[in-house]
Amino acid sequence: MAPAPAPSRVEPARAVPPVADAAAAVDAPARTHVVRGGETLGRIAATYYGQANVTKGVKLILEANRDRVESASRLRINTELAIPPMK
């Protein structure tokens, strides 16, 4: 009788790294985010773009949602925001 094969090792799932190719990032579809109580644009930007890109992220989100957001300090709960890819 032949010995049983060794069980295969299962690797844990890894997060997808950010898109390195700027052209690919431009073609990526925008995500959406529904504002919940207590959230700020800064926190939302940090969630999607990382802490190092908060300022640029806030500007991108504001530009993409001019029709839904009056200012960065006036978010309404349940507003659906477009989250554009980082340029």
C-alpha atoms as a PDB file:
ATOM      1  CA  MET A   1       0.000   0.000   0.000  1.00  0.00           C
ATOM      2  CA  ALA A   2       1.308   3.460  -0.906  1.00  0.00           C
ATOM      3  CA  PRO A   3       1.533   6.086   1.866  1.00  0.00           C
ATOM      4  CA  ALA A   4      -1.215   8.714   1.916  1.00  0.00           C
ATOM      5  CA  PRO A   5      -0.241  12.102   0.448  1.00  0.00           C
ATOM      6  CA  ALA A   6       0.572  14.826   2.943  1.00  0.00           C
ATOM      7  CA  PRO A   7      -2.281  17.285   3.478  1.00  0.00           C
ATOM      8  CA  SER A   8      -1.885  20.462   1.476  1.00  0.00           C
ATOM      9  CA  ARG A   9      -1.218  23.661   3.369  1.00  0.00           C
ATOM     10  CA  VAL A  10      -3.899  26.303   2.987  1.00  0.00           C
ATOM     11  CA  GLU A  11      -2.637  29.866   2.807  1.00  0.00           C
ATOM     12  CA  PRO A  12      -4.727  32.573   4.493  1.00  0.00           C
ATOM     13  CA  ALA A  13      -6.499  35.029   2.226  1.00  0.00           C
ATOM     14  CA  ARG A  14      -4.598  38.222   1.583  1.00  0.00           C
ATOM     15  CA  ALA A  15      -5.907  41.699   0.970  1.00  0.00           C
ATOM     16  CA  VAL A  16      -5.662  42.891  -2.602  1.00  0.00           C
ATOM     17  CA  PRO A  17      -2.853  45.446  -2.869  1.00  0.00           C
ATOM     18  CA  PRO A  18      -3.652  48.932  -4.190  1.00  0.00           C
ATOM     19  CA  VAL A  19      -3.545  49.340  -7.945  1.00  0.00           C
ATOM     20  CA  ALA A  20      -0.041  50.418  -8.925  1.00  0.00           C
ATOM     21  CA  ASP A  21      -0.952  51.338 -12.482  1.00  0.00           C
ATOM     22  CA  ALA A  22      -2.521  54.806 -12.574  1.00  0.00           C
ATOM     23  CA  ALA A  23      -4.360  54.053 -15.827  1.00  0.00           C
ATOM     24  CA  ALA A  24      -6.000  51.006 -14.246  1.00  0.00           C
ATOM     25  CA  ALA A  25      -7.065  53.074 -11.231  1.00  0.00           C
ATOM     26  CA  VAL A  26      -8.772  55.652 -13.456  1.00  0.00           C
ATOM     27  CA  ASP A  27     -10.766  52.887 -15.183  1.00  0.00           C
ATOM     28  CA  ALA A  28     -11.843  51.324 -11.871  1.00  0.00           C
ATOM     29  CA  PRO A  29     -15.509  51.873 -11.006  1.00  0.00           C
ATOM     30  CA  ALA A  30     -16.344  54.115  -8.063  1.00  0.00           C
ATOM     31  CA  ARG A  31     -17.496  52.481  -4.850  1.00  0.00           C
ATOM     32  CA  THR A  32     -20.257  53.839  -2.676  1.00  0.00           C
ATOM     33  CA  HIS A  33     -20.568  54.448   1.059  1.00  0.00           C
ATOM     34  CA  VAL A  34     -23.705  55.177   3.074  1.00  0.00           C
ATOM     35  CA  VAL A  35     -23.063  57.722   5.845  1.00  0.00           C
ATOM     36  CA  ARG A  36     -23.807  56.481   9.362  1.00  0.00           C
ATOM     37  CA  GLY A  37     -24.255  58.518  12.531  1.00  0.00           C
ATOM     38  CA  GLY A  38     -21.044  60.000  13.906  1.00  0.00           C
ATOM     39  CA  GLU A  39     -19.012  59.547  10.719  1.00  0.00           C
ATOM     40  CA  THR A  40     -16.872  62.321   9.287  1.00  0.00           C
ATOM     41  CA  LEU A  41     -15.435  62.698   5.799  1.00  0.00           C
ATOM     42  CA  GLY A  42     -11.986  62.319   7.340  1.00  0.00           C
ATOM     43  CA  ARG A  43     -12.860  58.931   8.817  1.00  0.00           C
ATOM     44  CA  ILE A  44     -14.517  57.801   5.600  1.00  0.00           C
ATOM     45  CA  ALA A  45     -11.474  58.909   3.568  1.00  0.00           C
ATOM     46  CA  ALA A  46      -9.128  57.078   5.961  1.00  0.00           C
ATOM     47  CA  THR A  47     -11.199  53.906   5.547  1.00  0.00           C
ATOM     48  CA  TYR A  48     -10.956  53.908   1.757  1.00  0.00           C
ATOM     49  CA  TYR A  49      -7.618  55.636   1.099  1.00  0.00           C
ATOM     50  CA  GLY A  50      -5.590  55.067   4.265  1.00  0.00           C
ATOM     51  CA  GLN A  51      -4.530  57.491   6.970  1.00  0.00           C
ATOM     52  CA  ALA A  52      -1.668  58.911   4.881  1.00  0.00           C
ATOM     53  CA  ASN A  53      -4.097  60.067   2.169  1.00  0.00           C
ATOM     54  CA  VAL A  54      -6.924  61.549   4.269  1.00  0.00           C
ATOM     55  CA  THR A  55      -6.642  65.151   3.020  1.00  0.00           C
ATOM     56  CA  LYS A  56      -6.553  64.145  -0.637  1.00  0.00           C
ATOM     57  CA  GLY A  57      -9.307  61.581  -0.016  1.00  0.00           C
ATOM     58  CA  VAL A  58     -11.624  64.167   1.552  1.00  0.00           C
ATOM     59  CA  LYS A  59     -11.132  66.422  -1.485  1.00  0.00           C
ATOM     60  CA  LEU A  60     -11.850  63.551  -3.898  1.00  0.00           C
ATOM     61  CA  ILE A  61     -15.014  62.531  -2.048  1.00  0.00           C
ATOM     62  CA  LEU A  62     -16.239  66.145  -1.897  1.00  0.00           C
ATOM     63  CA  GLU A  63     -15.598  66.674  -5.618  1.00  0.00           C
ATOM     64  CA  ALA A  64     -17.421  63.465  -6.517  1.00  0.00           C
ATOM     65  CA  ASN A  65     -20.425  64.329  -4.324  1.00  0.00           C
ATOM     66  CA  ARG A  66     -20.951  68.078  -4.819  1.00  0.00           C
ATOM     67  CA  ASP A  67     -24.635  67.453  -5.475  1.00  0.00           C
ATOM     68  CA  ARG A  68     -25.092  65.551  -2.174  1.00  0.00           C
ATOM     69  CA  VAL A  69     -22.739  67.211   0.326  1.00  0.00           C
ATOM     70  CA  GLU A  70     -22.797  70.913   1.207  1.00  0.00           C
ATOM     71  CA  SER A  71     -19.477  70.873   3.063  1.00  0.00           C
ATOM     72  CA  ALA A  72     -17.099  68.452   4.751  1.00  0.00           C
ATOM     73  CA  SER A  73     -18.598  69.326   8.138  1.00  0.00           C
ATOM     74  CA  ARG A  74     -22.238  68.788   7.103  1.00  0.00           C
ATOM     75  CA  LEU A  75     -22.826  65.116   6.353  1.00  0.00           C
ATOM     76  CA  ARG A  76     -26.351  63.766   6.497  1.00  0.00           C
ATOM     77  CA  ILE A  77     -27.021  60.263   7.783  1.00  0.00           C
ATOM     78  CA  ASN A  78     -28.022  57.770   5.041  1.00  0.00           C
ATOM     79  CA  THR A  79     -26.483  59.884   2.266  1.00  0.00           C
ATOM     80  CA  GLU A  80     -24.952  57.596  -0.342  1.00  0.00           C
ATOM     81  CA  LEU A  81     -21.502  58.887  -1.281  1.00  0.00           C
ATOM     82  CA  ALA A  82     -19.524  57.937  -4.372  1.00  0.00           C
ATOM     83  CA  ILE A  83     -15.981  56.913  -3.400  1.00  0.00           C
ATOM     84  CA  PRO A  84     -13.823  57.530  -6.482  1.00  0.00           C
ATOM     85  CA  PRO A  85     -10.499  55.752  -7.020  1.00  0.00           C
ATOM     86  CA  MET A  86      -7.376  57.620  -5.872  1.00  0.00           C
ATOM     87  CA  LYS A  87      -5.909  59.588  -8.798  1.00  0.00           C
END
